[in-house]
Amino acid sequence: MTAPSELSFPTTIGEPSIFAIRVALDEHYNGEWLFGKIGYVIGGEFVGDYDLGTSLRDVLLQMTLILSDANRRKTIRFEGLSKETIFNDVWTTLFGDTNTGLEKIAQDECWVKHNITIPVDVFDNVKVFQFDEQFSSRIIWREMPETNDAAIREFRIPIGVTETVFKQLFEILNELLLKEEIKRGQIK
């Protein structure tokens, strides 16, 4: 891995043909706000509104749930089901406004662990979920809102890839934020 201090922006963390995160720091990034751009690349397909931009500091802070669920994204009930069934059950139960009858099961099995969408504005129009199986991880996503007839997409990747990419992104952004806080005298 490239040390964060040696990075140039924009940069891609991971392998775009599998799973990667593209990140750029704006020229005028406003110190600790770390304004920049971010998006996922899943199987070579760009996911998210990269050009919208966001605070990469907010990305850093919002990634903690995704990181805390690393290596825990296996739920037996989803194995062998279609991507449409999985996405619709999980999305509707976690984010929908209708009663699916699955809420208790979702809570008991902690379905929220499958959500790998960083909750920042560049990902407002997409939901991305990960489901680990015995030999691979299924990444299932859809552009939102659901009324736009966007297809539910799926790409299989080796287990552990997203965890590695998210961890590297976290380390890069954490180091950038730390440098900004040191510059401003907030940390010595």
N, C-alpha and C. Protein backbone atom coordinates (compact mmCIF):
# COMPACT_ATOMS: atom_id res chain seq x y z
N MET A 1 0.83 -1.19 0.00
CA MET A 1 0.00 0.00 0.00
C MET A 1 0.87 1.25 0.00
N THR A 2 0.45 2.24 -0.72
CA THR A 2 1.15 3.51 -0.75
C THR A 2 0.88 4.26 0.54
N ALA A 3 1.92 4.79 1.13
CA ALA A 3 1.73 5.58 2.35
C ALA A 3 0.93 6.83 2.00
N PRO A 4 -0.03 7.23 2.85
CA PRO A 4 -0.85 8.40 2.56
C PRO A 4 -0.05 9.65 2.23
N SER A 5 1.07 9.85 2.89
CA SER A 5 1.85 11.06 2.65
C SER A 5 2.50 11.05 1.27
N GLU A 6 2.56 9.87 0.63
CA GLU A 6 3.16 9.76 -0.69
C GLU A 6 2.12 9.79 -1.80
N LEU A 7 0.85 9.91 -1.45
CA LEU A 7 -0.23 9.86 -2.43
C LEU A 7 -0.31 11.13 -3.24
N SER A 8 -0.73 10.97 -4.47
CA SER A 8 -1.15 12.11 -5.27
C SER A 8 -2.62 11.89 -5.59
N PHE A 9 -3.33 12.97 -5.77
CA PHE A 9 -4.77 12.86 -6.01
C PHE A 9 -5.09 13.30 -7.42
N PRO A 10 -6.08 12.71 -8.06
CA PRO A 10 -6.94 11.64 -7.55
C PRO A 10 -6.18 10.32 -7.48
N THR A 11 -6.70 9.42 -6.69
CA THR A 11 -6.11 8.10 -6.55
C THR A 11 -7.20 7.05 -6.52
N THR A 12 -6.83 5.85 -6.88
CA THR A 12 -7.76 4.73 -6.84
C THR A 12 -7.21 3.70 -5.87
N ILE A 13 -8.04 3.33 -4.91
CA ILE A 13 -7.66 2.34 -3.90
C ILE A 13 -8.37 1.05 -4.28
N GLY A 14 -7.62 0.01 -4.54
CA GLY A 14 -8.20 -1.25 -4.96
C GLY A 14 -8.05 -1.45 -6.46
N GLU A 15 -8.69 -2.47 -6.96
CA GLU A 15 -8.62 -2.82 -8.38
C GLU A 15 -9.96 -2.51 -9.03
N PRO A 16 -10.02 -1.52 -9.94
CA PRO A 16 -11.30 -1.13 -10.54
C PRO A 16 -12.06 -2.26 -11.24
N SER A 17 -11.37 -3.24 -11.73
CA SER A 17 -12.07 -4.35 -12.40
C SER A 17 -12.74 -5.27 -11.38
N ILE A 18 -12.41 -5.11 -10.11
CA ILE A 18 -13.00 -5.91 -9.04
C ILE A 18 -13.81 -4.98 -8.12
N PHE A 19 -13.13 -4.29 -7.20
CA PHE A 19 -13.75 -3.29 -6.32
C PHE A 19 -12.70 -2.27 -5.96
N ALA A 20 -13.04 -1.01 -6.16
CA ALA A 20 -12.10 0.07 -5.84
C ALA A 20 -12.89 1.29 -5.37
N ILE A 21 -12.18 2.20 -4.72
CA ILE A 21 -12.75 3.49 -4.37
C ILE A 21 -11.85 4.55 -4.99
N ARG A 22 -12.47 5.41 -5.77
CA ARG A 22 -11.75 6.53 -6.41
C ARG A 22 -11.96 7.73 -5.51
N VAL A 23 -10.87 8.40 -5.17
CA VAL A 23 -10.95 9.54 -4.26
C VAL A 23 -10.02 10.64 -4.74
N ALA A 24 -10.48 11.88 -4.58
CA ALA A 24 -9.67 13.03 -4.97
C ALA A 24 -9.86 14.12 -3.92
N LEU A 25 -8.80 14.83 -3.63
CA LEU A 25 -8.85 15.96 -2.73
C LEU A 25 -8.91 17.22 -3.59
N ASP A 26 -9.90 18.09 -3.35
CA ASP A 26 -10.02 19.32 -4.13
C ASP A 26 -8.78 20.18 -3.94
N GLU A 27 -8.48 20.98 -4.96
CA GLU A 27 -7.34 21.90 -4.86
C GLU A 27 -7.50 22.84 -3.66
N HIS A 28 -8.71 23.33 -3.48
CA HIS A 28 -9.02 24.18 -2.33
C HIS A 28 -9.91 23.36 -1.40
N TYR A 29 -9.29 22.50 -0.61
CA TYR A 29 -10.04 21.50 0.16
C TYR A 29 -10.50 22.01 1.53
N ASN A 30 -10.21 23.27 1.84
CA ASN A 30 -10.70 23.93 3.05
C ASN A 30 -10.25 23.25 4.34
N GLY A 31 -8.95 22.98 4.42
CA GLY A 31 -8.38 22.45 5.65
C GLY A 31 -8.98 21.15 6.10
N GLU A 32 -9.36 21.11 7.37
CA GLU A 32 -9.84 19.87 7.96
C GLU A 32 -11.16 19.37 7.37
N TRP A 33 -11.85 20.19 6.58
CA TRP A 33 -13.07 19.71 5.92
C TRP A 33 -12.73 18.69 4.84
N LEU A 34 -11.54 18.78 4.30
CA LEU A 34 -11.07 17.84 3.28
C LEU A 34 -12.07 17.68 2.14
N PHE A 35 -12.50 18.79 1.54
CA PHE A 35 -13.43 18.69 0.44
C PHE A 35 -12.80 17.97 -0.73
N GLY A 36 -13.56 17.06 -1.30
CA GLY A 36 -13.05 16.28 -2.42
C GLY A 36 -14.14 15.47 -3.08
N LYS A 37 -13.72 14.44 -3.76
CA LYS A 37 -14.65 13.59 -4.51
C LYS A 37 -14.40 12.14 -4.15
N ILE A 38 -15.47 11.33 -4.24
CA ILE A 38 -15.35 9.92 -3.93
C ILE A 38 -16.42 9.15 -4.69
N GLY A 39 -16.08 7.94 -5.06
CA GLY A 39 -17.04 7.04 -5.69
C GLY A 39 -16.48 5.63 -5.69
N TYR A 40 -17.37 4.65 -5.82
CA TYR A 40 -16.95 3.25 -5.91
C TYR A 40 -16.79 2.88 -7.38
N VAL A 41 -15.95 1.89 -7.63
CA VAL A 41 -15.87 1.26 -8.94
C VAL A 41 -16.05 -0.24 -8.67
N ILE A 42 -17.16 -0.78 -9.19
CA ILE A 42 -17.50 -2.18 -8.94
C ILE A 42 -17.52 -2.90 -10.28
N GLY A 43 -16.60 -3.84 -10.46
CA GLY A 43 -16.54 -4.57 -11.72
C GLY A 43 -16.36 -3.66 -12.91
N GLY A 44 -15.62 -2.58 -12.73
CA GLY A 44 -15.36 -1.63 -13.79
C GLY A 44 -16.45 -0.57 -13.97
N GLU A 45 -17.53 -0.66 -13.21
CA GLU A 45 -18.64 0.29 -13.32
C GLU A 45 -18.59 1.31 -12.20
N PHE A 46 -18.63 2.59 -12.56
CA PHE A 46 -18.58 3.65 -11.56
C PHE A 46 -19.92 3.76 -10.84
N VAL A 47 -19.90 3.88 -9.51
CA VAL A 47 -21.10 3.93 -8.69
C VAL A 47 -20.99 5.12 -7.74
N GLY A 48 -22.01 5.98 -7.75
CA GLY A 48 -22.02 7.17 -6.92
C GLY A 48 -21.91 8.42 -7.78
N ASP A 49 -22.17 9.57 -7.19
CA ASP A 49 -22.12 10.85 -7.90
C ASP A 49 -20.79 11.54 -7.61
N TYR A 50 -19.73 10.99 -8.17
CA TYR A 50 -18.37 11.44 -7.93
C TYR A 50 -18.23 12.96 -8.10
N ASP A 51 -18.79 13.50 -9.19
CA ASP A 51 -18.60 14.91 -9.50
C ASP A 51 -19.29 15.85 -8.51
N LEU A 52 -20.26 15.35 -7.76
CA LEU A 52 -20.94 16.17 -6.76
C LEU A 52 -19.96 16.63 -5.69
N GLY A 53 -19.08 15.74 -5.27
CA GLY A 53 -18.12 16.07 -4.22
C GLY A 53 -18.75 16.04 -2.85
N THR A 54 -17.89 15.98 -1.84
CA THR A 54 -18.35 15.91 -0.45
C THR A 54 -17.18 16.22 0.47
N SER A 55 -17.45 16.26 1.75
CA SER A 55 -16.39 16.39 2.74
C SER A 55 -15.80 15.00 3.00
N LEU A 56 -14.55 14.82 2.68
CA LEU A 56 -13.91 13.53 2.92
C LEU A 56 -13.72 13.29 4.42
N ARG A 57 -13.75 14.35 5.20
CA ARG A 57 -13.75 14.18 6.66
C ARG A 57 -15.04 13.48 7.09
N ASP A 58 -16.16 13.87 6.49
CA ASP A 58 -17.43 13.21 6.79
C ASP A 58 -17.38 11.75 6.35
N VAL A 59 -16.75 11.49 5.21
CA VAL A 59 -16.59 10.10 4.75
C VAL A 59 -15.84 9.31 5.82
N LEU A 60 -14.75 9.87 6.30
CA LEU A 60 -13.94 9.21 7.34
C LEU A 60 -14.80 8.89 8.57
N LEU A 61 -15.54 9.86 9.03
CA LEU A 61 -16.35 9.67 10.24
C LEU A 61 -17.49 8.68 10.02
N GLN A 62 -18.05 8.65 8.82
CA GLN A 62 -19.18 7.78 8.53
C GLN A 62 -18.77 6.34 8.21
N MET A 63 -17.50 6.10 7.99
CA MET A 63 -17.03 4.76 7.63
C MET A 63 -16.94 3.81 8.82
N THR A 64 -17.07 4.30 10.01
CA THR A 64 -16.83 3.45 11.18
C THR A 64 -17.76 2.24 11.24
N LEU A 65 -19.03 2.41 10.88
CA LEU A 65 -19.94 1.27 10.88
C LEU A 65 -19.54 0.23 9.85
N ILE A 66 -19.15 0.69 8.67
CA ILE A 66 -18.73 -0.25 7.63
C ILE A 66 -17.51 -1.04 8.10
N LEU A 67 -16.57 -0.35 8.69
CA LEU A 67 -15.36 -1.02 9.19
C LEU A 67 -15.67 -1.96 10.35
N SER A 68 -16.59 -1.57 11.22
CA SER A 68 -16.89 -2.42 12.37
C SER A 68 -17.57 -3.72 11.97
N ASP A 69 -18.19 -3.74 10.79
CA ASP A 69 -18.85 -4.96 10.32
C ASP A 69 -17.96 -5.80 9.39
N ALA A 70 -16.71 -5.43 9.27
CA ALA A 70 -15.79 -6.17 8.40
C ALA A 70 -15.77 -7.65 8.79
N ASN A 71 -15.78 -8.49 7.79
CA ASN A 71 -15.73 -9.95 7.97
C ASN A 71 -16.93 -10.51 8.73
N ARG A 72 -18.05 -9.78 8.74
CA ARG A 72 -19.27 -10.25 9.41
C ARG A 72 -20.48 -10.15 8.48
N ARG A 73 -20.27 -10.16 7.20
CA ARG A 73 -21.35 -9.91 6.24
C ARG A 73 -21.92 -11.19 5.65
N LYS A 74 -21.99 -12.22 6.47
CA LYS A 74 -22.55 -13.49 6.02
C LYS A 74 -23.88 -13.72 6.74
N THR A 75 -24.91 -13.97 5.96
CA THR A 75 -26.23 -14.32 6.49
C THR A 75 -26.74 -15.48 5.63
N ILE A 76 -26.82 -16.63 6.22
CA ILE A 76 -27.16 -17.87 5.51
C ILE A 76 -28.45 -17.73 4.70
N ARG A 77 -29.45 -17.06 5.23
CA ARG A 77 -30.75 -16.97 4.56
C ARG A 77 -30.66 -16.39 3.15
N PHE A 78 -29.62 -15.58 2.85
CA PHE A 78 -29.52 -14.95 1.53
C PHE A 78 -28.81 -15.82 0.49
N GLU A 79 -28.13 -16.85 0.93
CA GLU A 79 -27.38 -17.69 -0.02
C GLU A 79 -28.33 -18.37 -0.99
N GLY A 80 -28.04 -18.26 -2.25
CA GLY A 80 -28.83 -18.90 -3.30
C GLY A 80 -30.04 -18.10 -3.76
N LEU A 81 -30.34 -16.99 -3.10
CA LEU A 81 -31.48 -16.17 -3.52
C LEU A 81 -31.07 -15.24 -4.66
N SER A 82 -32.04 -14.81 -5.43
CA SER A 82 -31.76 -13.88 -6.54
C SER A 82 -31.34 -12.52 -6.00
N LYS A 83 -30.60 -11.79 -6.80
CA LYS A 83 -30.16 -10.45 -6.41
C LYS A 83 -31.37 -9.54 -6.16
N GLU A 84 -32.45 -9.73 -6.93
CA GLU A 84 -33.65 -8.92 -6.76
C GLU A 84 -34.31 -9.18 -5.41
N THR A 85 -34.44 -10.45 -5.06
CA THR A 85 -35.04 -10.80 -3.77
C THR A 85 -34.21 -10.24 -2.62
N ILE A 86 -32.91 -10.46 -2.69
CA ILE A 86 -32.03 -9.98 -1.62
C ILE A 86 -32.11 -8.46 -1.49
N PHE A 87 -31.91 -7.76 -2.60
CA PHE A 87 -31.90 -6.30 -2.55
C PHE A 87 -33.22 -5.77 -2.03
N ASN A 88 -34.31 -6.25 -2.61
CA ASN A 88 -35.62 -5.73 -2.22
C ASN A 88 -35.95 -6.02 -0.76
N ASP A 89 -35.64 -7.22 -0.28
CA ASP A 89 -35.90 -7.54 1.13
C ASP A 89 -35.07 -6.64 2.06
N VAL A 90 -33.79 -6.52 1.77
CA VAL A 90 -32.92 -5.74 2.65
C VAL A 90 -33.23 -4.25 2.56
N TRP A 91 -33.32 -3.73 1.34
CA TRP A 91 -33.57 -2.29 1.19
C TRP A 91 -34.90 -1.90 1.80
N THR A 92 -35.95 -2.64 1.48
CA THR A 92 -37.28 -2.29 1.99
C THR A 92 -37.33 -2.40 3.51
N THR A 93 -36.69 -3.41 4.06
CA THR A 93 -36.71 -3.59 5.51
C THR A 93 -35.89 -2.52 6.23
N LEU A 94 -34.73 -2.17 5.69
CA LEU A 94 -33.87 -1.18 6.35
C LEU A 94 -34.26 0.26 6.05
N PHE A 95 -34.72 0.55 4.82
CA PHE A 95 -34.91 1.94 4.40
C PHE A 95 -36.31 2.26 3.92
N GLY A 96 -37.11 1.24 3.63
CA GLY A 96 -38.44 1.47 3.08
C GLY A 96 -39.41 1.99 4.12
N ASP A 97 -40.55 2.40 3.64
CA ASP A 97 -41.56 2.93 4.55
C ASP A 97 -42.77 2.01 4.67
N THR A 98 -42.58 0.77 4.27
CA THR A 98 -43.66 -0.19 4.40
C THR A 98 -43.26 -1.29 5.38
N ASN A 99 -44.25 -1.93 5.96
CA ASN A 99 -44.00 -3.04 6.87
C ASN A 99 -43.83 -4.31 6.06
N THR A 100 -42.64 -4.90 6.09
CA THR A 100 -42.36 -6.09 5.29
C THR A 100 -42.62 -7.38 6.05
N GLY A 101 -42.74 -7.29 7.36
CA GLY A 101 -42.87 -8.49 8.17
C GLY A 101 -41.52 -9.13 8.45
N LEU A 102 -40.45 -8.52 7.94
CA LEU A 102 -39.11 -9.06 8.12
C LEU A 102 -38.29 -8.27 9.15
N GLU A 103 -38.88 -7.27 9.74
CA GLU A 103 -38.14 -6.37 10.63
C GLU A 103 -37.48 -7.11 11.80
N LYS A 104 -38.20 -8.02 12.42
CA LYS A 104 -37.65 -8.76 13.57
C LYS A 104 -36.48 -9.64 13.13
N ILE A 105 -36.63 -10.31 12.00
CA ILE A 105 -35.55 -11.15 11.46
C ILE A 105 -34.35 -10.28 11.12
N ALA A 106 -34.59 -9.14 10.46
CA ALA A 106 -33.51 -8.23 10.08
C ALA A 106 -32.75 -7.74 11.30
N GLN A 107 -33.48 -7.45 12.36
CA GLN A 107 -32.85 -6.99 13.59
C GLN A 107 -32.04 -8.13 14.23
N ASP A 108 -32.64 -9.30 14.33
CA ASP A 108 -31.96 -10.44 14.95
C ASP A 108 -30.69 -10.83 14.18
N GLU A 109 -30.77 -10.78 12.86
CA GLU A 109 -29.63 -11.18 12.02
C GLU A 109 -28.74 -9.99 11.66
N CYS A 110 -29.10 -8.82 12.13
CA CYS A 110 -28.30 -7.60 11.92
C CYS A 110 -28.04 -7.34 10.43
N TRP A 111 -29.11 -7.23 9.66
CA TRP A 111 -28.97 -7.01 8.22
C TRP A 111 -28.26 -5.71 7.87
N VAL A 112 -28.25 -4.76 8.78
CA VAL A 112 -27.57 -3.49 8.51
C VAL A 112 -26.09 -3.70 8.20
N LYS A 113 -25.52 -4.81 8.67
CA LYS A 113 -24.10 -5.10 8.42
C LYS A 113 -23.80 -5.28 6.94
N HIS A 114 -24.82 -5.53 6.13
CA HIS A 114 -24.63 -5.73 4.69
C HIS A 114 -24.55 -4.41 3.93
N ASN A 115 -24.93 -3.31 4.55
CA ASN A 115 -24.92 -2.01 3.89
C ASN A 115 -23.50 -1.45 3.85
N ILE A 116 -22.93 -1.35 2.66
CA ILE A 116 -21.58 -0.78 2.53
C ILE A 116 -21.61 0.56 1.80
N THR A 117 -22.76 1.21 1.85
CA THR A 117 -22.91 2.54 1.26
C THR A 117 -22.49 3.56 2.30
N ILE A 118 -21.45 4.33 2.02
CA ILE A 118 -21.04 5.39 2.95
C ILE A 118 -22.14 6.44 2.94
N PRO A 119 -22.71 6.77 4.10
CA PRO A 119 -23.85 7.69 4.14
C PRO A 119 -23.45 9.16 4.00
N VAL A 120 -23.02 9.51 2.80
CA VAL A 120 -22.75 10.90 2.43
C VAL A 120 -23.48 11.19 1.12
N ASP A 121 -23.63 12.47 0.81
CA ASP A 121 -24.48 12.88 -0.30
C ASP A 121 -24.12 12.28 -1.66
N VAL A 122 -22.88 11.97 -1.91
CA VAL A 122 -22.51 11.42 -3.22
C VAL A 122 -23.10 10.03 -3.45
N PHE A 123 -23.53 9.38 -2.37
CA PHE A 123 -24.16 8.07 -2.47
C PHE A 123 -25.66 8.12 -2.16
N ASP A 124 -26.26 9.31 -2.15
CA ASP A 124 -27.69 9.41 -1.87
C ASP A 124 -28.53 8.67 -2.90
N ASN A 125 -28.06 8.56 -4.12
CA ASN A 125 -28.85 7.96 -5.19
C ASN A 125 -28.47 6.52 -5.50
N VAL A 126 -27.85 5.85 -4.55
CA VAL A 126 -27.48 4.45 -4.75
C VAL A 126 -27.44 3.75 -3.40
N LYS A 127 -27.74 2.49 -3.40
CA LYS A 127 -27.56 1.65 -2.21
C LYS A 127 -26.72 0.47 -2.64
N VAL A 128 -25.68 0.16 -1.84
CA VAL A 128 -24.75 -0.93 -2.14
C VAL A 128 -24.70 -1.86 -0.93
N PHE A 129 -24.93 -3.14 -1.18
CA PHE A 129 -24.90 -4.15 -0.13
C PHE A 129 -23.88 -5.23 -0.47
N GLN A 130 -23.32 -5.84 0.57
CA GLN A 130 -22.36 -6.94 0.40
C GLN A 130 -22.85 -8.15 1.19
N PHE A 131 -22.81 -9.32 0.53
CA PHE A 131 -23.22 -10.57 1.15
C PHE A 131 -22.12 -11.59 0.93
N ASP A 132 -21.45 -11.97 2.01
CA ASP A 132 -20.38 -12.95 1.91
C ASP A 132 -20.96 -14.35 1.88
N GLU A 133 -20.43 -15.16 0.99
CA GLU A 133 -20.79 -16.57 0.92
C GLU A 133 -19.52 -17.36 1.18
N GLN A 134 -19.55 -18.65 0.96
CA GLN A 134 -18.41 -19.48 1.31
C GLN A 134 -17.15 -19.11 0.51
N PHE A 135 -17.31 -18.86 -0.80
CA PHE A 135 -16.14 -18.66 -1.65
C PHE A 135 -16.02 -17.27 -2.26
N SER A 136 -17.04 -16.44 -2.11
CA SER A 136 -16.99 -15.10 -2.70
C SER A 136 -17.96 -14.18 -1.99
N SER A 137 -17.84 -12.90 -2.30
CA SER A 137 -18.77 -11.89 -1.79
C SER A 137 -19.61 -11.40 -2.96
N ARG A 138 -20.89 -11.27 -2.71
CA ARG A 138 -21.80 -10.71 -3.71
C ARG A 138 -22.00 -9.24 -3.39
N ILE A 139 -21.64 -8.37 -4.34
CA ILE A 139 -21.92 -6.95 -4.19
C ILE A 139 -23.18 -6.70 -5.03
N ILE A 140 -24.21 -6.21 -4.38
CA ILE A 140 -25.50 -5.98 -5.03
C ILE A 140 -25.86 -4.51 -4.82
N TRP A 141 -26.18 -3.80 -5.92
CA TRP A 141 -26.48 -2.38 -5.80
C TRP A 141 -27.55 -1.96 -6.79
N ARG A 142 -28.08 -0.78 -6.51
CA ARG A 142 -29.10 -0.22 -7.39
C ARG A 142 -29.09 1.29 -7.26
N GLU A 143 -29.21 1.95 -8.40
CA GLU A 143 -29.41 3.40 -8.40
C GLU A 143 -30.80 3.66 -7.82
N MET A 144 -30.94 4.74 -7.08
CA MET A 144 -32.20 5.06 -6.43
C MET A 144 -32.68 6.40 -6.97
N PRO A 145 -33.91 6.80 -6.84
CA PRO A 145 -34.94 6.10 -6.10
C PRO A 145 -35.45 4.90 -6.88
N GLU A 146 -36.14 4.05 -6.18
CA GLU A 146 -36.62 2.81 -6.76
C GLU A 146 -37.57 3.02 -7.94
N THR A 147 -38.17 4.19 -8.05
CA THR A 147 -39.13 4.44 -9.13
C THR A 147 -38.47 4.71 -10.48
N ASN A 148 -37.15 4.81 -10.53
CA ASN A 148 -36.52 5.12 -11.81
C ASN A 148 -36.26 3.89 -12.67
N ASP A 149 -36.76 2.74 -12.25
CA ASP A 149 -36.65 1.50 -13.02
C ASP A 149 -35.20 1.07 -13.27
N ALA A 150 -34.28 1.52 -12.45
CA ALA A 150 -32.89 1.10 -12.59
C ALA A 150 -32.77 -0.37 -12.22
N ALA A 151 -31.96 -1.05 -12.96
CA ALA A 151 -31.76 -2.48 -12.72
C ALA A 151 -30.96 -2.70 -11.44
N ILE A 152 -31.26 -3.79 -10.78
CA ILE A 152 -30.46 -4.22 -9.64
C ILE A 152 -29.27 -4.94 -10.23
N ARG A 153 -28.08 -4.52 -9.81
CA ARG A 153 -26.83 -5.03 -10.37
C ARG A 153 -26.15 -5.94 -9.35
N GLU A 154 -25.32 -6.84 -9.85
CA GLU A 154 -24.56 -7.73 -8.97
C GLU A 154 -23.21 -8.02 -9.59
N PHE A 155 -22.20 -8.09 -8.72
CA PHE A 155 -20.85 -8.48 -9.14
C PHE A 155 -20.23 -9.27 -8.00
N ARG A 156 -19.62 -10.40 -8.33
CA ARG A 156 -18.96 -11.23 -7.31
C ARG A 156 -17.49 -10.88 -7.24
N ILE A 157 -17.00 -10.82 -6.01
CA ILE A 157 -15.60 -10.49 -5.77
C ILE A 157 -15.04 -11.45 -4.73
N PRO A 158 -13.71 -11.56 -4.63
CA PRO A 158 -13.14 -12.40 -3.58
C PRO A 158 -13.48 -11.84 -2.19
N ILE A 159 -13.66 -12.73 -1.25
CA ILE A 159 -13.94 -12.33 0.13
C ILE A 159 -12.77 -11.51 0.68
N GLY A 160 -13.09 -10.45 1.38
CA GLY A 160 -12.07 -9.61 2.03
C GLY A 160 -11.62 -8.41 1.22
N VAL A 161 -11.99 -8.33 -0.04
CA VAL A 161 -11.54 -7.22 -0.89
C VAL A 161 -12.07 -5.88 -0.37
N THR A 162 -13.37 -5.79 -0.11
CA THR A 162 -13.91 -4.50 0.33
C THR A 162 -13.31 -4.08 1.67
N GLU A 163 -13.11 -5.04 2.54
CA GLU A 163 -12.53 -4.72 3.85
C GLU A 163 -11.14 -4.09 3.70
N THR A 164 -10.34 -4.66 2.80
CA THR A 164 -9.00 -4.12 2.56
C THR A 164 -9.07 -2.71 1.99
N VAL A 165 -9.95 -2.50 1.02
CA VAL A 165 -10.08 -1.18 0.38
C VAL A 165 -10.58 -0.14 1.38
N PHE A 166 -11.64 -0.48 2.13
CA PHE A 166 -12.16 0.48 3.12
C PHE A 166 -11.12 0.80 4.19
N LYS A 167 -10.38 -0.20 4.62
CA LYS A 167 -9.35 0.05 5.63
C LYS A 167 -8.27 0.99 5.10
N GLN A 168 -7.85 0.78 3.85
CA GLN A 168 -6.84 1.66 3.25
C GLN A 168 -7.37 3.08 3.11
N LEU A 169 -8.63 3.22 2.67
CA LEU A 169 -9.22 4.55 2.56
C LEU A 169 -9.27 5.23 3.92
N PHE A 170 -9.68 4.50 4.94
CA PHE A 170 -9.75 5.05 6.29
C PHE A 170 -8.37 5.56 6.72
N GLU A 171 -7.33 4.77 6.50
CA GLU A 171 -5.97 5.16 6.91
C GLU A 171 -5.52 6.42 6.17
N ILE A 172 -5.81 6.50 4.88
CA ILE A 172 -5.42 7.67 4.08
C ILE A 172 -6.13 8.92 4.59
N LEU A 173 -7.45 8.83 4.74
CA LEU A 173 -8.21 10.00 5.18
C LEU A 173 -7.88 10.39 6.61
N ASN A 174 -7.64 9.41 7.47
CA ASN A 174 -7.28 9.70 8.85
C ASN A 174 -5.95 10.44 8.92
N GLU A 175 -4.99 10.02 8.10
CA GLU A 175 -3.70 10.71 8.09
C GLU A 175 -3.84 12.14 7.56
N LEU A 176 -4.63 12.31 6.52
CA LEU A 176 -4.85 13.67 5.99
C LEU A 176 -5.49 14.57 7.04
N LEU A 177 -6.49 14.06 7.73
CA LEU A 177 -7.16 14.85 8.76
C LEU A 177 -6.20 15.17 9.91
N LEU A 178 -5.42 14.19 10.32
CA LEU A 178 -4.44 14.41 11.38
C LEU A 178 -3.46 15.51 11.00
N LYS A 179 -2.98 15.50 9.76
CA LYS A 179 -2.05 16.55 9.30
C LYS A 179 -2.70 17.93 9.35
N GLU A 180 -3.97 18.00 8.97
CA GLU A 180 -4.68 19.28 9.01
C GLU A 180 -4.88 19.75 10.45
N GLU A 181 -5.18 18.84 11.34
CA GLU A 181 -5.36 19.22 12.75
C GLU A 181 -4.04 19.67 13.36
N ILE A 182 -2.95 19.05 12.97
CA ILE A 182 -1.63 19.47 13.45
C ILE A 182 -1.32 20.87 12.92
N LYS A 183 -1.61 21.11 11.63
CA LYS A 183 -1.38 22.43 11.04
C LYS A 183 -2.13 23.52 11.78
N ARG A 184 -3.33 23.22 12.18
CA ARG A 184 -4.18 24.20 12.86
C ARG A 184 -3.90 24.27 14.36
N GLY A 185 -2.95 23.47 14.85
CA GLY A 185 -2.60 23.50 16.26
C GLY A 185 -3.59 22.77 17.17
N GLN A 186 -4.50 21.98 16.56
CA GLN A 186 -5.47 21.26 17.38
C GLN A 186 -4.85 20.04 18.02
N ILE A 187 -3.78 19.52 17.41
CA ILE A 187 -3.05 18.37 17.95
C ILE A 187 -1.57 18.73 17.87
N LYS A 188 -0.85 18.36 18.91
CA LYS A 188 0.59 18.64 18.91
C LYS A 188 1.36 17.37 18.89
